[in-house]
Amino acid sequence: MYNNPAGQAAGAFAGATGSGTLAMTGAGDLFWFALAAFAMLALGLAVKRIVPVRAQKNS
């Protein structure tokens, strides 16, 4: 990009290692799956706290 030959090499490297590669850290797709799992867990726990609990009858 902008006539920089290193930019083309970096783009080819990122394409070869996977599109989910975090720039300049080497963290791959496993990092993003772990982050997504944490976000889904946090969302589920937040929804569980917000939704009212149905009272159980003692019969």
C-alpha atoms as a PDB file:
ATOM      1  CA  MET A   1       0.000   0.000   0.000  1.00  0.00           C
ATOM      2  CA  TYR A   2       1.314   3.446  -0.906  1.00  0.00           C
ATOM      3  CA  ASN A   3       4.198   1.843  -2.859  1.00  0.00           C
ATOM      4  CA  ASN A   4       5.480   0.048   0.233  1.00  0.00           C
ATOM      5  CA  PRO A   5       6.801  -3.430  -0.628  1.00  0.00           C
ATOM      6  CA  ALA A   6       6.655  -4.495   3.043  1.00  0.00           C
ATOM      7  CA  GLY A   7       2.901  -3.861   3.014  1.00  0.00           C
ATOM      8  CA  GLN A   8       2.420  -6.433   0.278  1.00  0.00           C
ATOM      9  CA  ALA A   9       4.521  -8.995   2.126  1.00  0.00           C
ATOM     10  CA  ALA A  10       2.626  -8.400   5.350  1.00  0.00           C
ATOM     11  CA  GLY A  11      -0.670  -8.764   3.510  1.00  0.00           C
ATOM     12  CA  ALA A  12       0.456 -12.048   1.966  1.00  0.00           C
ATOM     13  CA  PHE A  13       1.608 -13.307   5.374  1.00  0.00           C
ATOM     14  CA  ALA A  14      -1.711 -12.391   6.999  1.00  0.00           C
ATOM     15  CA  GLY A  15      -3.572 -14.113   4.181  1.00  0.00           C
ATOM     16  CA  ALA A  16      -1.468 -17.246   4.552  1.00  0.00           C
ATOM     17  CA  THR A  17      -1.849 -17.478   8.334  1.00  0.00           C
ATOM     18  CA  GLY A  18      -5.593 -16.876   8.412  1.00  0.00           C
ATOM     19  CA  SER A  19      -7.926 -13.943   8.272  1.00  0.00           C
ATOM     20  CA  GLY A  20      -8.497 -13.959  12.042  1.00  0.00           C
ATOM     21  CA  THR A  21      -4.890 -13.162  12.887  1.00  0.00           C
ATOM     22  CA  LEU A  22      -4.609 -10.267  15.306  1.00  0.00           C
ATOM     23  CA  ALA A  23      -2.203  -7.716  13.867  1.00  0.00           C
ATOM     24  CA  MET A  24       1.337  -7.720  15.250  1.00  0.00           C
ATOM     25  CA  THR A  25       0.636 -10.190  18.089  1.00  0.00           C
ATOM     26  CA  GLY A  26       0.430 -13.584  16.424  1.00  0.00           C
ATOM     27  CA  ALA A  27      -2.804 -14.414  18.267  1.00  0.00           C
ATOM     28  CA  GLY A  28      -4.854 -16.567  15.938  1.00  0.00           C
ATOM     29  CA  ASP A  29      -8.396 -17.821  15.672  1.00  0.00           C
ATOM     30  CA  LEU A  30      -8.315 -19.579  19.055  1.00  0.00           C
ATOM     31  CA  PHE A  31      -8.043 -16.186  20.760  1.00  0.00           C
ATOM     32  CA  TRP A  32     -11.177 -14.954  18.989  1.00  0.00           C
ATOM     33  CA  PHE A  33     -13.126 -18.129  19.832  1.00  0.00           C
ATOM     34  CA  ALA A  34     -12.183 -17.754  23.505  1.00  0.00           C
ATOM     35  CA  LEU A  35     -13.173 -14.090  23.435  1.00  0.00           C
ATOM     36  CA  ALA A  36     -16.509 -14.934  21.796  1.00  0.00           C
ATOM     37  CA  ALA A  37     -17.169 -17.675  24.375  1.00  0.00           C
ATOM     38  CA  PHE A  38     -16.496 -15.247  27.214  1.00  0.00           C
ATOM     39  CA  ALA A  39     -18.791 -12.641  25.650  1.00  0.00           C
ATOM     40  CA  MET A  40     -21.608 -15.168  25.198  1.00  0.00           C
ATOM     41  CA  LEU A  41     -21.239 -16.352  28.803  1.00  0.00           C
ATOM     42  CA  ALA A  42     -21.346 -12.763  30.074  1.00  0.00           C
ATOM     43  CA  LEU A  43     -24.405 -12.042  27.931  1.00  0.00           C
ATOM     44  CA  GLY A  44     -26.206 -15.126  29.226  1.00  0.00           C
ATOM     45  CA  LEU A  45     -25.487 -14.262  32.845  1.00  0.00           C
ATOM     46  CA  ALA A  46     -26.642 -10.671  32.316  1.00  0.00           C
ATOM     47  CA  VAL A  47     -29.907 -11.795  30.723  1.00  0.00           C
ATOM     48  CA  LYS A  48     -30.430 -14.277  33.546  1.00  0.00           C
ATOM     49  CA  ARG A  49     -30.141 -11.444  36.075  1.00  0.00           C
ATOM     50  CA  ILE A  50     -32.507  -9.158  34.151  1.00  0.00           C
ATOM     51  CA  VAL A  51     -35.324 -11.620  33.405  1.00  0.00           C
ATOM     52  CA  PRO A  52     -37.667 -12.010  36.374  1.00  0.00           C
ATOM     53  CA  VAL A  53     -37.761 -15.406  38.044  1.00  0.00           C
ATOM     54  CA  ARG A  54     -41.131 -17.130  38.073  1.00  0.00           C
ATOM     55  CA  ALA A  55     -42.161 -17.934  41.644  1.00  0.00           C
ATOM     56  CA  GLN A  56     -42.686 -21.634  42.365  1.00  0.00           C
ATOM     57  CA  LYS A  57     -45.837 -22.791  44.105  1.00  0.00           C
ATOM     58  CA  ASN A  58     -45.593 -24.902  47.249  1.00  0.00           C
ATOM     59  CA  SER A  59     -48.135 -27.678  46.817  1.00  0.00           C
END
